[in-house]
Amino acid sequence: MMTVISYSGYRFPSEIIQQAIWLYVRFTLSFRDVEDLLVERGIVVSYETVRRWVNHFGPKIAADLRKRRPKPHTTWTLLSIVCVCLTGGVIGFHAGFCLTRTPRRTLPGANGGVSGAMPARCGAGRASV
């Protein structure tokens, strides 16, 4: 469950605090640069306040973003195979890998996609191009 960051007790609304932190982190600006950008938008805040916001709320925002990041899954599925013989004949049609959660049992082959078994010899099962 995500923890809600409380901005209560601060003079400025949460949107302004988040915007100041975003400007500092995203564009690698100095605290004084963020102060100048906020003053141009009519928000008078000192660079020291921006520093305190970044130090206080920055790690909490980063932790929430890490929790929202999708978990990686490592199941790779072989979709199909391309086999080229030394004589230049093509046996398969396509090669590709896909990240899936459930593995596929059949692979499309040169024999109509029924089985994933490829012929052992170059001449057998050659695909027409």
C-alpha atoms as a PDB file:
ATOM      1  CA  MET A   1       0.000   0.000   0.000  1.00  0.00           C
ATOM      2  CA  MET A   2       1.270   3.453  -0.888  1.00  0.00           C
ATOM      3  CA  THR A   3       1.861   5.821   1.980  1.00  0.00           C
ATOM      4  CA  VAL A   4       0.338   9.238   1.516  1.00  0.00           C
ATOM      5  CA  ILE A   5       2.836  12.070   1.886  1.00  0.00           C
ATOM      6  CA  SER A   6       1.423  14.692   4.233  1.00  0.00           C
ATOM      7  CA  TYR A   7       2.055  18.313   3.285  1.00  0.00           C
ATOM      8  CA  SER A   8       0.057  19.661   6.218  1.00  0.00           C
ATOM      9  CA  GLY A   9       1.737  22.383   8.217  1.00  0.00           C
ATOM     10  CA  TYR A  10       3.475  23.897   5.204  1.00  0.00           C
ATOM     11  CA  ARG A  11       2.688  27.361   3.891  1.00  0.00           C
ATOM     12  CA  PHE A  12       2.533  26.344   0.230  1.00  0.00           C
ATOM     13  CA  PRO A  13       0.211  23.776  -1.328  1.00  0.00           C
ATOM     14  CA  SER A  14       1.523  20.349  -2.261  1.00  0.00           C
ATOM     15  CA  GLU A  15       1.514  21.148  -6.011  1.00  0.00           C
ATOM     16  CA  ILE A  16       4.028  23.977  -5.542  1.00  0.00           C
ATOM     17  CA  ILE A  17       6.273  21.873  -3.314  1.00  0.00           C
ATOM     18  CA  GLN A  18       6.184  18.999  -5.801  1.00  0.00           C
ATOM     19  CA  GLN A  19       6.876  21.362  -8.706  1.00  0.00           C
ATOM     20  CA  ALA A  20       9.913  22.820  -6.937  1.00  0.00           C
ATOM     21  CA  ILE A  21      11.290  19.361  -6.167  1.00  0.00           C
ATOM     22  CA  TRP A  22      10.613  18.217  -9.737  1.00  0.00           C
ATOM     23  CA  LEU A  23      12.431  21.232 -11.191  1.00  0.00           C
ATOM     24  CA  TYR A  24      15.435  20.656  -8.950  1.00  0.00           C
ATOM     25  CA  VAL A  25      15.710  16.918  -9.608  1.00  0.00           C
ATOM     26  CA  ARG A  26      14.625  16.692 -13.251  1.00  0.00           C
ATOM     27  CA  PHE A  27      16.712  19.505 -14.675  1.00  0.00           C
ATOM     28  CA  THR A  28      19.598  19.375 -12.149  1.00  0.00           C
ATOM     29  CA  LEU A  29      19.124  23.027 -11.295  1.00  0.00           C
ATOM     30  CA  SER A  30      20.577  24.748  -8.264  1.00  0.00           C
ATOM     31  CA  PHE A  31      18.325  25.763  -5.398  1.00  0.00           C
ATOM     32  CA  ARG A  32      18.742  29.397  -6.437  1.00  0.00           C
ATOM     33  CA  ASP A  33      17.721  28.561 -10.019  1.00  0.00           C
ATOM     34  CA  VAL A  34      14.552  26.901  -8.735  1.00  0.00           C
ATOM     35  CA  GLU A  35      13.912  29.936  -6.548  1.00  0.00           C
ATOM     36  CA  ASP A  36      14.255  32.215  -9.611  1.00  0.00           C
ATOM     37  CA  LEU A  37      11.887  30.051 -11.691  1.00  0.00           C
ATOM     38  CA  LEU A  38       9.277  30.105  -8.944  1.00  0.00           C
ATOM     39  CA  VAL A  39       9.613  33.899  -8.534  1.00  0.00           C
ATOM     40  CA  GLU A  40       8.997  34.284 -12.277  1.00  0.00           C
ATOM     41  CA  ARG A  41       5.730  32.410 -11.726  1.00  0.00           C
ATOM     42  CA  GLY A  42       4.783  34.693  -8.829  1.00  0.00           C
ATOM     43  CA  ILE A  43       5.733  32.348  -5.993  1.00  0.00           C
ATOM     44  CA  VAL A  44       8.118  34.001  -3.559  1.00  0.00           C
ATOM     45  CA  VAL A  45      10.097  31.304  -1.797  1.00  0.00           C
ATOM     46  CA  SER A  46      13.730  31.231  -0.635  1.00  0.00           C
ATOM     47  CA  TYR A  47      16.311  28.796  -1.939  1.00  0.00           C
ATOM     48  CA  GLU A  48      16.739  27.498   1.616  1.00  0.00           C
ATOM     49  CA  THR A  49      13.075  26.508   1.684  1.00  0.00           C
ATOM     50  CA  VAL A  50      13.507  24.654  -1.602  1.00  0.00           C
ATOM     51  CA  ARG A  51      16.525  22.857  -0.104  1.00  0.00           C
ATOM     52  CA  ARG A  52      14.478  21.815   2.933  1.00  0.00           C
ATOM     53  CA  TRP A  53      11.654  20.553   0.707  1.00  0.00           C
ATOM     54  CA  VAL A  54      14.065  18.500  -1.388  1.00  0.00           C
ATOM     55  CA  ASN A  55      15.747  17.018   1.687  1.00  0.00           C
ATOM     56  CA  HIS A  56      12.456  16.261   3.435  1.00  0.00           C
ATOM     57  CA  PHE A  57      10.117  15.174   0.624  1.00  0.00           C
ATOM     58  CA  GLY A  58      12.606  13.990  -2.021  1.00  0.00           C
ATOM     59  CA  PRO A  59      13.347  10.582  -0.455  1.00  0.00           C
ATOM     60  CA  LYS A  60       9.653   9.981   0.252  1.00  0.00           C
ATOM     61  CA  ILE A  61       8.677  10.758  -3.344  1.00  0.00           C
ATOM     62  CA  ALA A  62      11.513   8.558  -4.636  1.00  0.00           C
ATOM     63  CA  ALA A  63      10.391   5.668  -2.423  1.00  0.00           C
ATOM     64  CA  ASP A  64       6.804   5.981  -3.691  1.00  0.00           C
ATOM     65  CA  LEU A  65       8.022   6.009  -7.298  1.00  0.00           C
ATOM     66  CA  ARG A  66      10.126   2.892  -6.690  1.00  0.00           C
ATOM     67  CA  LYS A  67       7.081   1.107  -5.246  1.00  0.00           C
ATOM     68  CA  ARG A  68       5.025   1.994  -8.336  1.00  0.00           C
ATOM     69  CA  ARG A  69       7.652   0.704 -10.761  1.00  0.00           C
ATOM     70  CA  PRO A  70       6.458  -2.512 -12.421  1.00  0.00           C
ATOM     71  CA  LYS A  71       8.225  -5.644 -11.248  1.00  0.00           C
ATOM     72  CA  PRO A  72      10.427  -7.237 -13.906  1.00  0.00           C
ATOM     73  CA  HIS A  73       9.599 -10.727 -15.039  1.00  0.00           C
ATOM     74  CA  THR A  74      12.241 -12.905 -16.587  1.00  0.00           C
ATOM     75  CA  THR A  75      10.340 -15.475 -18.627  1.00  0.00           C
ATOM     76  CA  TRP A  76      11.608 -15.320 -22.176  1.00  0.00           C
ATOM     77  CA  THR A  77       9.616 -17.164 -24.821  1.00  0.00           C
ATOM     78  CA  LEU A  78      11.162 -18.168 -28.115  1.00  0.00           C
ATOM     79  CA  LEU A  79       8.542 -17.340 -30.731  1.00  0.00           C
ATOM     80  CA  SER A  80      10.110 -18.897 -33.815  1.00  0.00           C
ATOM     81  CA  ILE A  81      13.425 -19.672 -35.436  1.00  0.00           C
ATOM     82  CA  VAL A  82      15.249 -18.768 -38.650  1.00  0.00           C
ATOM     83  CA  CYS A  83      17.722 -21.370 -39.838  1.00  0.00           C
ATOM     84  CA  VAL A  84      19.947 -20.653 -42.826  1.00  0.00           C
ATOM     85  CA  CYS A  85      22.047 -23.467 -44.280  1.00  0.00           C
ATOM     86  CA  LEU A  86      25.495 -23.063 -45.759  1.00  0.00           C
ATOM     87  CA  THR A  87      23.958 -23.606 -49.184  1.00  0.00           C
ATOM     88  CA  GLY A  88      21.733 -20.576 -48.665  1.00  0.00           C
ATOM     89  CA  GLY A  89      18.424 -22.316 -48.051  1.00  0.00           C
ATOM     90  CA  VAL A  90      16.082 -20.865 -45.454  1.00  0.00           C
ATOM     91  CA  ILE A  91      14.323 -23.419 -43.250  1.00  0.00           C
ATOM     92  CA  GLY A  92      12.472 -21.198 -40.734  1.00  0.00           C
ATOM     93  CA  PHE A  93      10.604 -17.936 -41.176  1.00  0.00           C
ATOM     94  CA  HIS A  94      11.164 -15.535 -38.271  1.00  0.00           C
ATOM     95  CA  ALA A  95      13.201 -15.192 -35.093  1.00  0.00           C
ATOM     96  CA  GLY A  96      12.093 -13.289 -32.052  1.00  0.00           C
ATOM     97  CA  PHE A  97      11.905 -13.326 -28.299  1.00  0.00           C
ATOM     98  CA  CYS A  98       9.062 -12.076 -26.181  1.00  0.00           C
ATOM     99  CA  LEU A  99       8.674 -11.415 -22.468  1.00  0.00           C
ATOM    100  CA  THR A 100       5.604 -13.304 -21.305  1.00  0.00           C
ATOM    101  CA  ARG A 101       4.300 -14.687 -18.068  1.00  0.00           C
ATOM    102  CA  THR A 102       3.226 -18.051 -19.529  1.00  0.00           C
ATOM    103  CA  PRO A 103       5.520 -20.002 -21.857  1.00  0.00           C
ATOM    104  CA  ARG A 104       4.272 -21.086 -25.260  1.00  0.00           C
ATOM    105  CA  ARG A 105       4.358 -24.780 -26.070  1.00  0.00           C
ATOM    106  CA  THR A 106       4.272 -24.720 -29.885  1.00  0.00           C
ATOM    107  CA  LEU A 107       6.567 -22.821 -32.174  1.00  0.00           C
ATOM    108  CA  PRO A 108       5.629 -21.939 -35.762  1.00  0.00           C
ATOM    109  CA  GLY A 109       7.855 -23.943 -38.084  1.00  0.00           C
ATOM    110  CA  ALA A 110       8.293 -24.620 -41.755  1.00  0.00           C
ATOM    111  CA  ASN A 111       5.645 -27.362 -41.638  1.00  0.00           C
ATOM    112  CA  GLY A 112       2.611 -25.108 -41.200  1.00  0.00           C
ATOM    113  CA  GLY A 113       3.106 -24.055 -37.598  1.00  0.00           C
ATOM    114  CA  VAL A 114       2.075 -27.380 -36.076  1.00  0.00           C
ATOM    115  CA  SER A 115       5.342 -28.185 -34.371  1.00  0.00           C
ATOM    116  CA  GLY A 116       8.517 -26.398 -33.384  1.00  0.00           C
ATOM    117  CA  ALA A 117      10.757 -29.192 -34.678  1.00  0.00           C
ATOM    118  CA  MET A 118      13.040 -28.098 -37.480  1.00  0.00           C
ATOM    119  CA  PRO A 119      14.403 -30.536 -40.081  1.00  0.00           C
ATOM    120  CA  ALA A 120      17.987 -31.618 -39.531  1.00  0.00           C
ATOM    121  CA  ARG A 121      19.037 -31.393 -43.185  1.00  0.00           C
ATOM    122  CA  CYS A 122      19.126 -28.250 -45.319  1.00  0.00           C
ATOM    123  CA  GLY A 123      17.189 -29.707 -48.232  1.00  0.00           C
ATOM    124  CA  ALA A 124      14.314 -30.990 -46.155  1.00  0.00           C
ATOM    125  CA  GLY A 125      11.529 -28.512 -45.433  1.00  0.00           C
ATOM    126  CA  ARG A 126      13.053 -25.588 -47.318  1.00  0.00           C
ATOM    127  CA  ALA A 127      10.695 -22.618 -47.301  1.00  0.00           C
ATOM    128  CA  SER A 128       9.842 -20.865 -50.517  1.00  0.00           C
ATOM    129  CA  VAL A 129      10.532 -17.151 -50.492  1.00  0.00           C
END
